[in-house]
C-alpha atoms as a PDB file:
ATOM      1  CA  MET A   1     113.754 -14.449-135.292  1.00  0.00           C
ATOM      2  CA  LYS A   2     111.421 -13.927-138.242  1.00  0.00           C
ATOM      3  CA  LEU A   3     109.636 -10.633-138.851  1.00  0.00           C
ATOM      4  CA  ARG A   4     105.954 -10.806-138.057  1.00  0.00           C
ATOM      5  CA  ILE A   5     103.828  -9.332-140.875  1.00  0.00           C
ATOM      6  CA  VAL A   6     100.175  -8.245-140.858  1.00  0.00           C
ATOM      7  CA  TYR A   7      98.578  -7.853-144.276  1.00  0.00           C
ATOM      8  CA  LEU A   8      95.723  -5.427-144.988  1.00  0.00           C
ATOM      9  CA  GLY A   9      93.710  -5.601-148.223  1.00  0.00           C
ATOM     10  CA  THR A  10      90.326  -6.324-149.768  1.00  0.00           C
ATOM     11  CA  PRO A  11      89.869  -6.868-153.571  1.00  0.00           C
ATOM     12  CA  ASP A  12      91.363  -9.271-156.101  1.00  0.00           C
ATOM     13  CA  PHE A  13      94.264  -6.872-156.691  1.00  0.00           C
ATOM     14  CA  ALA A  14      95.384  -7.507-153.093  1.00  0.00           C
ATOM     15  CA  VAL A  15      95.283 -11.307-153.307  1.00  0.00           C
ATOM     16  CA  GLU A  16      98.307 -11.805-155.573  1.00  0.00           C
ATOM     17  CA  PRO A  17     100.886 -10.099-153.285  1.00  0.00           C
ATOM     18  CA  LEU A  18      99.603 -12.078-150.294  1.00  0.00           C
ATOM     19  CA  LYS A  19      99.778 -15.274-152.346  1.00  0.00           C
ATOM     20  CA  ARG A  20     103.387 -14.549-153.343  1.00  0.00           C
ATOM     21  CA  LEU A  21     104.391 -13.862-149.749  1.00  0.00           C
ATOM     22  CA  LEU A  22     102.906 -17.133-148.522  1.00  0.00           C
ATOM     23  CA  GLU A  23     104.442 -19.146-151.365  1.00  0.00           C
ATOM     24  CA  LYS A  24     107.893 -17.823-150.497  1.00  0.00           C
ATOM     25  CA  GLN A  25     107.292 -18.297-146.782  1.00  0.00           C
ATOM     26  CA  ARG A  26     106.400 -21.973-147.246  1.00  0.00           C
ATOM     27  CA  THR A  27     109.123 -22.881-149.712  1.00  0.00           C
ATOM     28  CA  CYS A  28     112.052 -21.061-148.112  1.00  0.00           C
ATOM     29  CA  ASP A  29     112.978 -21.737-144.487  1.00  0.00           C
ATOM     30  CA  SER A  30     115.323 -18.750-144.524  1.00  0.00           C
ATOM     31  CA  CYS A  31     112.865 -16.206-145.918  1.00  0.00           C
ATOM     32  CA  GLY A  32     113.023 -14.234-142.669  1.00  0.00           C
ATOM     33  CA  TYR A  33     109.337 -13.404-142.202  1.00  0.00           C
ATOM     34  CA  GLU A  34     105.928 -14.894-141.484  1.00  0.00           C
ATOM     35  CA  VAL A  35     102.450 -13.542-142.196  1.00  0.00           C
ATOM     36  CA  VAL A  36     100.632 -13.733-138.855  1.00  0.00           C
ATOM     37  CA  GLY A  37      97.261 -12.202-139.743  1.00  0.00           C
ATOM     38  CA  VAL A  38      95.073 -10.423-142.274  1.00  0.00           C
ATOM     39  CA  VAL A  39      92.815  -7.380-141.971  1.00  0.00           C
ATOM     40  CA  THR A  40      90.046  -6.874-144.523  1.00  0.00           C
ATOM     41  CA  MET A  41      86.631  -5.304-144.967  1.00  0.00           C
ATOM     42  CA  PRO A  42      83.538  -6.727-143.218  1.00  0.00           C
ATOM     43  CA  ASP A  43      81.458  -9.189-145.210  1.00  0.00           C
ATOM     44  CA  LYS A  44      78.757  -7.622-147.399  1.00  0.00           C
ATOM     45  CA  MET A  45      75.084  -8.551-147.570  1.00  0.00           C
ATOM     46  CA  ILE A  46      74.231  -9.717-151.092  1.00  0.00           C
ATOM     47  CA  ASN A  47      70.461 -10.119-150.905  1.00  0.00           C
ATOM     48  CA  LYS A  48      67.549  -8.050-149.668  1.00  0.00           C
ATOM     49  CA  ARG A  49      66.736 -10.410-146.807  1.00  0.00           C
ATOM     50  CA  GLY A  50      70.181  -9.822-145.336  1.00  0.00           C
ATOM     51  CA  ASN A  51      70.873 -13.499-144.725  1.00  0.00           C
ATOM     52  CA  GLN A  52      73.634 -14.124-147.261  1.00  0.00           C
ATOM     53  CA  LEU A  53      77.110 -12.673-146.823  1.00  0.00           C
ATOM     54  CA  LEU A  54      79.867 -12.187-149.381  1.00  0.00           C
ATOM     55  CA  MET A  55      83.470 -12.372-148.204  1.00  0.00           C
ATOM     56  CA  SER A  56      86.091 -10.129-149.756  1.00  0.00           C
ATOM     57  CA  PRO A  57      88.547 -11.874-152.135  1.00  0.00           C
ATOM     58  CA  VAL A  58      91.336 -11.359-149.582  1.00  0.00           C
ATOM     59  CA  LYS A  59      89.274 -12.942-146.806  1.00  0.00           C
ATOM     60  CA  GLN A  60      88.372 -15.921-149.008  1.00  0.00           C
ATOM     61  CA  PHE A  61      92.040 -16.491-149.765  1.00  0.00           C
ATOM     62  CA  ALA A  62      93.161 -15.967-146.157  1.00  0.00           C
ATOM     63  CA  VAL A  63      90.565 -18.379-144.768  1.00  0.00           C
ATOM     64  CA  ASN A  64      91.573 -21.033-147.305  1.00  0.00           C
ATOM     65  CA  GLU A  65      95.187 -20.562-146.230  1.00  0.00           C
ATOM     66  CA  GLY A  66      94.333 -20.868-142.531  1.00  0.00           C
ATOM     67  CA  LEU A  67      95.271 -17.300-141.623  1.00  0.00           C
ATOM     68  CA  PRO A  68      93.475 -15.438-138.813  1.00  0.00           C
ATOM     69  CA  VAL A  69      91.344 -12.535-140.060  1.00  0.00           C
ATOM     70  CA  LEU A  70      90.130  -9.283-138.522  1.00  0.00           C
ATOM     71  CA  GLN A  71      87.218  -7.381-140.116  1.00  0.00           C
ATOM     72  CA  PRO A  72      86.725  -4.133-138.230  1.00  0.00           C
ATOM     73  CA  GLU A  73      83.814  -1.814-138.889  1.00  0.00           C
ATOM     74  CA  SER A  74      85.927   0.985-137.433  1.00  0.00           C
ATOM     75  CA  LEU A  75      89.705   1.134-137.670  1.00  0.00           C
ATOM     76  CA  LYS A  76      89.760   3.338-134.563  1.00  0.00           C
ATOM     77  CA  SER A  77      87.798   1.075-132.241  1.00  0.00           C
ATOM     78  CA  GLU A  78      89.567  -0.057-129.070  1.00  0.00           C
ATOM     79  CA  GLU A  79      88.499  -3.638-129.709  1.00  0.00           C
ATOM     80  CA  PHE A  80      90.180  -3.696-133.128  1.00  0.00           C
ATOM     81  CA  LEU A  81      93.326  -1.884-132.007  1.00  0.00           C
ATOM     82  CA  THR A  82      93.747  -4.298-129.105  1.00  0.00           C
ATOM     83  CA  ALA A  83      93.304  -7.326-131.367  1.00  0.00           C
ATOM     84  CA  LEU A  84      95.711  -5.892-133.938  1.00  0.00           C
ATOM     85  CA  ALA A  85      98.338  -5.141-131.291  1.00  0.00           C
ATOM     86  CA  ALA A  86      98.060  -8.709-130.005  1.00  0.00           C
ATOM     87  CA  TRP A  87      99.526  -9.957-133.303  1.00  0.00           C
ATOM     88  CA  ARG A  88     102.762  -8.075-132.410  1.00  0.00           C
ATOM     89  CA  ALA A  89     103.525  -7.149-136.023  1.00  0.00           C
ATOM     90  CA  ASP A  90     106.981  -5.904-136.892  1.00  0.00           C
ATOM     91  CA  LEU A  91     105.727  -4.736-140.289  1.00  0.00           C
ATOM     92  CA  GLN A  92     102.364  -4.091-141.944  1.00  0.00           C
ATOM     93  CA  ILE A  93     101.597  -4.222-145.672  1.00  0.00           C
ATOM     94  CA  VAL A  94      98.635  -2.397-147.217  1.00  0.00           C
ATOM     95  CA  VAL A  95      97.289  -3.230-150.680  1.00  0.00           C
ATOM     96  CA  ALA A  96      93.988  -1.723-151.873  1.00  0.00           C
ATOM     97  CA  PHE A  97      92.493  -1.101-148.447  1.00  0.00           C
ATOM     98  CA  ARG A  98      90.963   1.799-146.570  1.00  0.00           C
ATOM     99  CA  MET A  99      92.750   4.924-145.400  1.00  0.00           C
ATOM    100  CA  LEU A 100      94.437   4.034-142.115  1.00  0.00           C
ATOM    101  CA  PRO A 101      94.528   6.155-138.970  1.00  0.00           C
ATOM    102  CA  GLU A 102      97.974   6.803-137.508  1.00  0.00           C
ATOM    103  CA  SER A 103      97.154   4.519-134.590  1.00  0.00           C
ATOM    104  CA  VAL A 104      97.191   1.649-137.110  1.00  0.00           C
ATOM    105  CA  TRP A 105      99.945   2.508-139.591  1.00  0.00           C
ATOM    106  CA  ASN A 106     102.346   3.641-136.890  1.00  0.00           C
ATOM    107  CA  MET A 107     101.875   0.548-134.727  1.00  0.00           C
ATOM    108  CA  PRO A 108     104.631  -1.806-136.049  1.00  0.00           C
ATOM    109  CA  ARG A 109     108.230  -1.015-135.123  1.00  0.00           C
ATOM    110  CA  LEU A 110     109.279  -1.123-138.811  1.00  0.00           C
ATOM    111  CA  GLY A 111     106.266   0.838-139.996  1.00  0.00           C
ATOM    112  CA  THR A 112     103.682   0.143-142.701  1.00  0.00           C
ATOM    113  CA  PHE A 113     104.227   0.151-146.437  1.00  0.00           C
ATOM    114  CA  ASN A 114     101.653   0.416-149.206  1.00  0.00           C
ATOM    115  CA  LEU A 115     101.533  -0.874-152.776  1.00  0.00           C
ATOM    116  CA  HIS A 116     100.164   1.752-155.164  1.00  0.00           C
ATOM    117  CA  ALA A 117      99.244   1.086-158.811  1.00  0.00           C
ATOM    118  CA  SER A 118     101.231   3.922-160.363  1.00  0.00           C
ATOM    119  CA  LEU A 119     104.742   5.298-160.552  1.00  0.00           C
ATOM    120  CA  LEU A 120     104.463   7.678-157.631  1.00  0.00           C
ATOM    121  CA  PRO A 121     104.414  10.589-157.309  1.00  0.00           C
ATOM    122  CA  GLN A 122     102.292  10.408-160.460  1.00  0.00           C
ATOM    123  CA  TYR A 123      98.624   9.470-160.062  1.00  0.00           C
ATOM    124  CA  ARG A 124      98.148   9.820-156.354  1.00  0.00           C
ATOM    125  CA  GLY A 125      94.552   8.944-155.607  1.00  0.00           C
ATOM    126  CA  ALA A 126      91.862   6.295-155.878  1.00  0.00           C
ATOM    127  CA  ALA A 127      91.905   5.453-159.611  1.00  0.00           C
ATOM    128  CA  PRO A 128      95.489   5.444-160.940  1.00  0.00           C
ATOM    129  CA  ILE A 129      94.931   2.618-163.439  1.00  0.00           C
ATOM    130  CA  ASN A 130      92.000   4.330-165.134  1.00  0.00           C
ATOM    131  CA  TRP A 131      93.593   7.764-165.355  1.00  0.00           C
ATOM    132  CA  ALA A 132      96.901   6.536-166.781  1.00  0.00           C
ATOM    133  CA  ILE A 133      95.019   5.092-169.771  1.00  0.00           C
ATOM    134  CA  ILE A 134      92.596   8.000-170.081  1.00  0.00           C
ATOM    135  CA  ASN A 135      95.559  10.372-170.331  1.00  0.00           C
ATOM    136  CA  GLY A 136      97.116   8.302-173.110  1.00  0.00           C
ATOM    137  CA  ASP A 137     100.215   7.235-171.173  1.00  0.00           C
ATOM    138  CA  LYS A 138     102.436   4.556-172.660  1.00  0.00           C
ATOM    139  CA  GLU A 139     103.857   3.449-169.317  1.00  0.00           C
ATOM    140  CA  THR A 140     102.812   3.122-165.703  1.00  0.00           C
ATOM    141  CA  GLY A 141     103.847   0.800-162.894  1.00  0.00           C
ATOM    142  CA  VAL A 142     103.638   0.003-159.203  1.00  0.00           C
ATOM    143  CA  THR A 143     105.263   1.633-156.205  1.00  0.00           C
ATOM    144  CA  THR A 144     105.881   0.544-152.636  1.00  0.00           C
ATOM    145  CA  PHE A 145     106.227   3.326-150.095  1.00  0.00           C
ATOM    146  CA  PHE A 146     106.060   3.875-146.349  1.00  0.00           C
ATOM    147  CA  LEU A 147     102.861   5.451-145.072  1.00  0.00           C
ATOM    148  CA  LYS A 148     102.747   8.854-143.451  1.00  0.00           C
ATOM    149  CA  HIS A 149     100.015  11.421-142.747  1.00  0.00           C
ATOM    150  CA  GLU A 150      99.426  12.730-146.278  1.00  0.00           C
ATOM    151  CA  ILE A 151      97.852  10.162-148.621  1.00  0.00           C
ATOM    152  CA  ASP A 152     100.206   8.541-151.174  1.00  0.00           C
ATOM    153  CA  THR A 153     103.109  10.866-150.298  1.00  0.00           C
ATOM    154  CA  GLY A 154     105.399   8.624-148.231  1.00  0.00           C
ATOM    155  CA  ASP A 155     109.016   7.797-149.015  1.00  0.00           C
ATOM    156  CA  VAL A 156     109.362   5.410-151.961  1.00  0.00           C
ATOM    157  CA  ILE A 157     110.965   1.993-151.542  1.00  0.00           C
ATOM    158  CA  TYR A 158     110.675   0.506-155.057  1.00  0.00           C
ATOM    159  CA  ARG A 159     109.081   1.493-158.364  1.00  0.00           C
ATOM    160  CA  ASP A 160     108.645  -1.082-161.134  1.00  0.00           C
ATOM    161  CA  ARG A 161     107.519  -0.077-164.621  1.00  0.00           C
ATOM    162  CA  VAL A 162     104.796  -1.690-166.750  1.00  0.00           C
ATOM    163  CA  ALA A 163     104.081  -0.842-170.401  1.00  0.00           C
ATOM    164  CA  ILE A 164     100.602   0.276-171.464  1.00  0.00           C
ATOM    165  CA  GLU A 165      99.879  -1.275-174.844  1.00  0.00           C
ATOM    166  CA  GLU A 166      97.670   0.337-177.473  1.00  0.00           C
ATOM    167  CA  ASN A 167      94.881  -2.206-176.898  1.00  0.00           C
ATOM    168  CA  ASP A 168      95.076  -2.325-173.098  1.00  0.00           C
ATOM    169  CA  ASN A 169      92.026  -1.308-171.123  1.00  0.00           C
ATOM    170  CA  ALA A 170      91.625  -0.785-167.384  1.00  0.00           C
ATOM    171  CA  GLY A 171      90.902  -4.497-166.925  1.00  0.00           C
ATOM    172  CA  THR A 172      93.975  -5.847-168.714  1.00  0.00           C
ATOM    173  CA  LEU A 173      96.236  -3.231-167.153  1.00  0.00           C
ATOM    174  CA  HIS A 174      94.808  -4.050-163.709  1.00  0.00           C
ATOM    175  CA  ASP A 175      95.945  -7.652-164.142  1.00  0.00           C
ATOM    176  CA  LYS A 176      99.411  -6.684-165.375  1.00  0.00           C
ATOM    177  CA  LEU A 177      99.900  -4.411-162.386  1.00  0.00           C
ATOM    178  CA  MET A 178      98.468  -6.997-160.001  1.00  0.00           C
ATOM    179  CA  TYR A 179     101.073  -9.594-160.986  1.00  0.00           C
ATOM    180  CA  GLN A 180     103.877  -7.051-161.017  1.00  0.00           C
ATOM    181  CA  GLY A 181     102.633  -5.862-157.629  1.00  0.00           C
ATOM    182  CA  GLY A 182     103.093  -9.356-156.237  1.00  0.00           C
ATOM    183  CA  GLU A 183     106.728  -9.317-157.337  1.00  0.00           C
ATOM    184  CA  THR A 184     107.326  -5.817-155.999  1.00  0.00           C
ATOM    185  CA  VAL A 185     105.802  -6.485-152.580  1.00  0.00           C
ATOM    186  CA  LEU A 186     107.886  -9.626-152.197  1.00  0.00           C
ATOM    187  CA  ARG A 187     111.047  -7.764-153.229  1.00  0.00           C
ATOM    188  CA  THR A 188     110.241  -4.993-150.762  1.00  0.00           C
ATOM    189  CA  VAL A 189     109.755  -7.413-147.875  1.00  0.00           C
ATOM    190  CA  GLU A 190     113.004  -9.204-148.675  1.00  0.00           C
ATOM    191  CA  ALA A 191     114.865  -5.878-148.692  1.00  0.00           C
ATOM    192  CA  ILE A 192     113.363  -4.902-145.327  1.00  0.00           C
ATOM    193  CA  VAL A 193     114.259  -8.293-143.858  1.00  0.00           C
ATOM    194  CA  ASN A 194     117.842  -7.835-145.055  1.00  0.00           C
ATOM    195  CA  GLY A 195     118.079  -4.227-143.864  1.00  0.00           C
ATOM    196  CA  ALA A 196     118.700  -3.077-147.431  1.00  0.00           C
ATOM    197  CA  VAL A 197     115.964  -0.455-147.788  1.00  0.00           C
ATOM    198  CA  GLU A 198     116.901   3.124-148.658  1.00  0.00           C
ATOM    199  CA  PRO A 199     113.609   5.028-149.061  1.00  0.00           C
ATOM    200  CA  VAL A 200     113.583   8.084-151.318  1.00  0.00           C
ATOM    201  CA  PRO A 201     111.350  11.106-150.586  1.00  0.00           C
ATOM    202  CA  GLN A 202     108.872  11.719-153.382  1.00  0.00           C
ATOM    203  CA  GLU A 203     109.848  15.384-153.435  1.00  0.00           C
ATOM    204  CA  GLN A 204     113.110  14.316-155.073  1.00  0.00           C
ATOM    205  CA  MET A 205     111.245  12.682-157.969  1.00  0.00           C
ATOM    206  CA  PHE A 206     109.584  15.707-159.599  1.00  0.00           C
ATOM    207  CA  VAL A 207     110.326  19.324-160.337  1.00  0.00           C
ATOM    208  CA  SER A 208     107.063  20.941-159.269  1.00  0.00           C
ATOM    209  CA  GLU A 209     103.444  20.174-158.381  1.00  0.00           C
ATOM    210  CA  SER A 210     102.429  21.254-161.897  1.00  0.00           C
ATOM    211  CA  ASP A 211     104.227  18.177-163.269  1.00  0.00           C
ATOM    212  CA  LEU A 212     101.933  15.827-161.378  1.00  0.00           C
ATOM    213  CA  ARG A 213      98.784  14.141-162.666  1.00  0.00           C
ATOM    214  CA  PRO A 214      96.124  13.231-160.093  1.00  0.00           C
ATOM    215  CA  ALA A 215      93.974  10.092-159.992  1.00  0.00           C
ATOM    216  CA  PRO A 216      90.750  11.185-158.288  1.00  0.00           C
ATOM    217  CA  LYS A 217      87.878   8.859-157.516  1.00  0.00           C
ATOM    218  CA  ILE A 218      85.624   8.191-160.498  1.00  0.00           C
ATOM    219  CA  PHE A 219      81.907   8.953-160.310  1.00  0.00           C
ATOM    220  CA  ARG A 220      79.126   8.342-162.823  1.00  0.00           C
ATOM    221  CA  ASP A 221      79.392  11.805-164.345  1.00  0.00           C
ATOM    222  CA  THR A 222      83.139  11.289-164.754  1.00  0.00           C
ATOM    223  CA  CYS A 223      82.374   8.379-167.092  1.00  0.00           C
ATOM    224  CA  ARG A 224      80.339  10.381-169.598  1.00  0.00           C
ATOM    225  CA  ILE A 225      81.962  10.540-173.043  1.00  0.00           C
ATOM    226  CA  ASP A 226      82.799  14.008-174.325  1.00  0.00           C
ATOM    227  CA  TRP A 227      82.394  13.668-178.080  1.00  0.00           C
ATOM    228  CA  ASN A 228      84.052  17.048-178.558  1.00  0.00           C
ATOM    229  CA  ARG A 229      87.417  15.467-177.735  1.00  0.00           C
ATOM    230  CA  ASN A 230      89.568  14.234-180.597  1.00  0.00           C
ATOM    231  CA  CYS A 231      89.589  10.680-181.918  1.00  0.00           C
ATOM    232  CA  CYS A 232      92.559   9.460-179.856  1.00  0.00           C
ATOM    233  CA  GLU A 233      91.288  11.071-176.660  1.00  0.00           C
ATOM    234  CA  VAL A 234      87.838   9.476-176.919  1.00  0.00           C
ATOM    235  CA  TYR A 235      89.440   6.101-177.673  1.00  0.00           C
ATOM    236  CA  ASP A 236      91.706   6.355-174.616  1.00  0.00           C
ATOM    237  CA  PHE A 237      88.801   7.502-172.445  1.00  0.00           C
ATOM    238  CA  VAL A 238      86.645   4.485-173.311  1.00  0.00           C
ATOM    239  CA  ARG A 239      89.376   1.927-172.721  1.00  0.00           C
ATOM    240  CA  GLY A 240      90.391   3.711-169.520  1.00  0.00           C
ATOM    241  CA  MET A 241      86.872   3.123-168.205  1.00  0.00           C
ATOM    242  CA  SER A 242      86.501  -0.456-169.443  1.00  0.00           C
ATOM    243  CA  PRO A 243      85.283  -2.853-168.197  1.00  0.00           C
ATOM    244  CA  TYR A 244      84.523  -0.954-165.003  1.00  0.00           C
ATOM    245  CA  PRO A 245      82.936   1.471-164.337  1.00  0.00           C
ATOM    246  CA  ALA A 246      82.314   1.809-168.125  1.00  0.00           C
ATOM    247  CA  ALA A 247      82.039   4.928-170.246  1.00  0.00           C
ATOM    248  CA  TRP A 248      78.579   6.006-171.346  1.00  0.00           C
ATOM    249  CA  TYR A 249      76.728   8.498-173.504  1.00  0.00           C
ATOM    250  CA  GLU A 250      73.136   9.437-174.225  1.00  0.00           C
ATOM    251  CA  MET A 251      71.111   9.134-177.415  1.00  0.00           C
ATOM    252  CA  GLN A 252      67.872  10.961-178.119  1.00  0.00           C
ATOM    253  CA  ASP A 253      65.000  10.083-180.452  1.00  0.00           C
ATOM    254  CA  ALA A 254      62.791  12.482-182.420  1.00  0.00           C
ATOM    255  CA  ALA A 255      60.331  12.726-179.523  1.00  0.00           C
ATOM    256  CA  GLY A 256      63.068  13.859-177.151  1.00  0.00           C
ATOM    257  CA  ASN A 257      63.311  10.575-175.245  1.00  0.00           C
ATOM    258  CA  THR A 258      66.842   9.747-174.119  1.00  0.00           C
ATOM    259  CA  ILE A 259      68.598   6.469-173.488  1.00  0.00           C
ATOM    260  CA  ALA A 260      71.954   5.944-171.768  1.00  0.00           C
ATOM    261  CA  ILE A 261      74.308   3.487-173.461  1.00  0.00           C
ATOM    262  CA  LYS A 262      77.402   2.008-171.856  1.00  0.00           C
ATOM    263  CA  VAL A 263      80.428   1.609-174.109  1.00  0.00           C
ATOM    264  CA  TYR A 264      82.985  -1.111-173.394  1.00  0.00           C
ATOM    265  CA  GLU A 265      85.034  -1.321-176.569  1.00  0.00           C
ATOM    266  CA  VAL A 266      85.677   0.992-179.489  1.00  0.00           C
ATOM    267  CA  ALA A 267      88.111   1.348-182.375  1.00  0.00           C
ATOM    268  CA  LYS A 268      89.475   4.623-183.647  1.00  0.00           C
ATOM    269  CA  GLU A 269      89.263   5.414-187.341  1.00  0.00           C
ATOM    270  CA  PRO A 270      91.408   8.427-188.206  1.00  0.00           C
ATOM    271  CA  ALA A 271      89.945  10.250-191.195  1.00  0.00           C
ATOM    272  CA  GLN A 272      89.160  13.627-192.680  1.00  0.00           C
ATOM    273  CA  HIS A 273      85.434  14.282-192.930  1.00  0.00           C
ATOM    274  CA  ASP A 274      82.868  17.037-193.032  1.00  0.00           C
ATOM    275  CA  LYS A 275      80.418  15.475-190.561  1.00  0.00           C
ATOM    276  CA  ALA A 276      79.357  17.422-187.492  1.00  0.00           C
ATOM    277  CA  VAL A 277      80.900  16.188-184.245  1.00  0.00           C
ATOM    278  CA  GLY A 278      78.576  13.610-182.678  1.00  0.00           C
ATOM    279  CA  THR A 279      76.982  12.492-185.952  1.00  0.00           C
ATOM    280  CA  LEU A 280      75.928   8.837-185.710  1.00  0.00           C
ATOM    281  CA  LEU A 281      76.476   6.668-188.765  1.00  0.00           C
ATOM    282  CA  THR A 282      75.145   3.105-189.019  1.00  0.00           C
ATOM    283  CA  ASP A 283      73.938   0.628-191.592  1.00  0.00           C
ATOM    284  CA  GLY A 284      71.524  -0.757-188.999  1.00  0.00           C
ATOM    285  CA  LYS A 285      73.087  -4.205-189.313  1.00  0.00           C
ATOM    286  CA  SER A 286      76.793  -4.475-188.649  1.00  0.00           C
ATOM    287  CA  TYR A 287      78.347  -1.190-187.596  1.00  0.00           C
ATOM    288  CA  ALA A 288      77.778   2.069-185.799  1.00  0.00           C
ATOM    289  CA  LYS A 289      80.247   4.904-185.491  1.00  0.00           C
ATOM    290  CA  VAL A 290      80.337   8.476-184.215  1.00  0.00           C
ATOM    291  CA  ALA A 291      82.041  11.374-185.969  1.00  0.00           C
ATOM    292  CA  VAL A 292      84.633  13.187-183.853  1.00  0.00           C
ATOM    293  CA  ASP A 293      87.485  15.571-184.451  1.00  0.00           C
ATOM    294  CA  GLY A 294      90.057  13.743-186.568  1.00  0.00           C
ATOM    295  CA  GLY A 295      87.953  10.727-187.536  1.00  0.00           C
ATOM    296  CA  TYR A 296      85.363   8.313-186.256  1.00  0.00           C
ATOM    297  CA  ILE A 297      84.880   6.196-183.155  1.00  0.00           C
ATOM    298  CA  ASN A 298      83.606   2.755-184.113  1.00  0.00           C
ATOM    299  CA  LEU A 299      81.324   1.349-181.422  1.00  0.00           C
ATOM    300  CA  LEU A 300      82.191  -2.325-180.949  1.00  0.00           C
ATOM    301  CA  SER A 301      80.724  -3.453-177.613  1.00  0.00           C
ATOM    302  CA  LEU A 302      77.710  -1.760-176.009  1.00  0.00           C
ATOM    303  CA  GLN A 303      75.049  -2.222-173.359  1.00  0.00           C
ATOM    304  CA  ILE A 304      71.582  -0.688-173.327  1.00  0.00           C
ATOM    305  CA  PRO A 305      69.407  -0.589-170.196  1.00  0.00           C
ATOM    306  CA  GLY A 306      67.909  -3.940-169.290  1.00  0.00           C
ATOM    307  CA  LYS A 307      70.236  -5.888-171.584  1.00  0.00           C
ATOM    308  CA  LYS A 308      73.650  -7.471-171.232  1.00  0.00           C
ATOM    309  CA  ARG A 309      76.802  -6.246-172.877  1.00  0.00           C
ATOM    310  CA  MET A 310      76.994  -7.358-176.509  1.00  0.00           C
ATOM    311  CA  PRO A 311      78.816  -6.766-179.803  1.00  0.00           C
ATOM    312  CA  VAL A 312      77.288  -3.939-181.811  1.00  0.00           C
ATOM    313  CA  ALA A 313      76.143  -6.289-184.593  1.00  0.00           C
ATOM    314  CA  ASP A 314      74.172  -8.360-182.064  1.00  0.00           C
ATOM    315  CA  LEU A 315      72.693  -5.212-180.557  1.00  0.00           C
ATOM    316  CA  LEU A 316      71.576  -3.938-183.957  1.00  0.00           C
ATOM    317  CA  ARG A 317      69.694  -7.161-184.649  1.00  0.00           C
ATOM    318  CA  GLY A 318      67.300  -6.369-181.817  1.00  0.00           C
ATOM    319  CA  PHE A 319      67.556  -2.608-181.384  1.00  0.00           C
ATOM    320  CA  SER A 320      67.384   0.047-184.083  1.00  0.00           C
ATOM    321  CA  LEU A 321      69.556   3.132-183.836  1.00  0.00           C
ATOM    322  CA  GLN A 322      67.709   4.739-186.708  1.00  0.00           C
ATOM    323  CA  GLY A 323      66.107   7.980-185.655  1.00  0.00           C
ATOM    324  CA  TYR A 324      68.458   8.484-182.721  1.00  0.00           C
ATOM    325  CA  SER A 325      71.036  11.217-182.380  1.00  0.00           C
ATOM    326  CA  VAL A 326      73.982  11.458-180.031  1.00  0.00           C
ATOM    327  CA  VAL A 327      73.583  13.871-177.128  1.00  0.00           C
ATOM    328  CA  LYS A 328      76.825  15.816-176.853  1.00  0.00           C
END
C-alpha cells in the first residue's frame, strides 16, 4: 500500500518540491507514495473593493493538478483538523508554510518533515537565504528534518549543499535552493518509503550555541544600509536584500529634506582614499558611488519614491543627485 502524503506550503519556493513529487508519482508505478491533498494559505484580497482574490502559488499549482486543497484561517480549528484527519496521511511535508501546532504536525503516523533553506543548525529562522549572503558565506544549502516543538531544531534527515557565487543575490540563490529543495524532498520521501531514514539530532552537528548564526525575520529598519561597514560588507548586505525586500538609505539636500532610495544592485571598488565615509561622488550622468572603508560602493540599480527600479544612468537623466548628501 502506498504512503499517503499531505503537502503544506504557500509561495513559489514550495511549488517545485510538490511538482517533483507529482512527476515521480505519475511516471513510476512503484514510487510507493501518493500526494492526497494540499494545505495552503487562504486567498488574499488584491483590490480595495474586496471582490478579487489571489491564490497562493501552491494553490494555483495544486488546482491545476487536480489536487484537493484546504485553506484554514486557523490551524487549530476543529473543522480544519477534522478535514485534515479525513485525508488519513501517513506523512506530511512542510515547505515555506506557517508554524504548525502539535495537533497538526504530530497527526501522521510517520510524522511531518520540513524543508529549510539552510544547512541546519545554521540559520534557524525566517530569512536564511538573506542572512547567508549578508554574512558573506560562500556556501549554504537545504535541509530536511522532522518537526518537533522548538522551531527548526528537529532531527535532520538530509542536508544538500549549494554554492553562493560572488554575484549571487537573494533572488538567484532562492532559485538555486528551490530546485535543490525539490531534489532533496523527493530523496527524503523515497528514503522514508524504503525505511532507510536515520535522522541525526542537530546537537551533534555543532560544538556550542555560539557557533550558530540566526536568521531572524527582516523588517524595514533591518534593510537600512550602514555605510560605516567596510566595502565587502556593504556589498554583501545589498545583494543579500535584493531583489526583496531591498536595501535602502537616505539622502538629504541642503534644506534638510530627506529622500529614501532603494538599492538593488551595486559593485564594490576596493581602493585607498581620503574621502569621509558616506561621501557621494557622481558625474551627474553615468555613475554614482559612495565612499566606504576600503573603497567605494558603485550604485548600479536604484529606485526613488514614485518611480520604478532603473539603472543609475537612467535615473541620473531625470533626477539630479547634486546637492544631496548621504545620511549615515
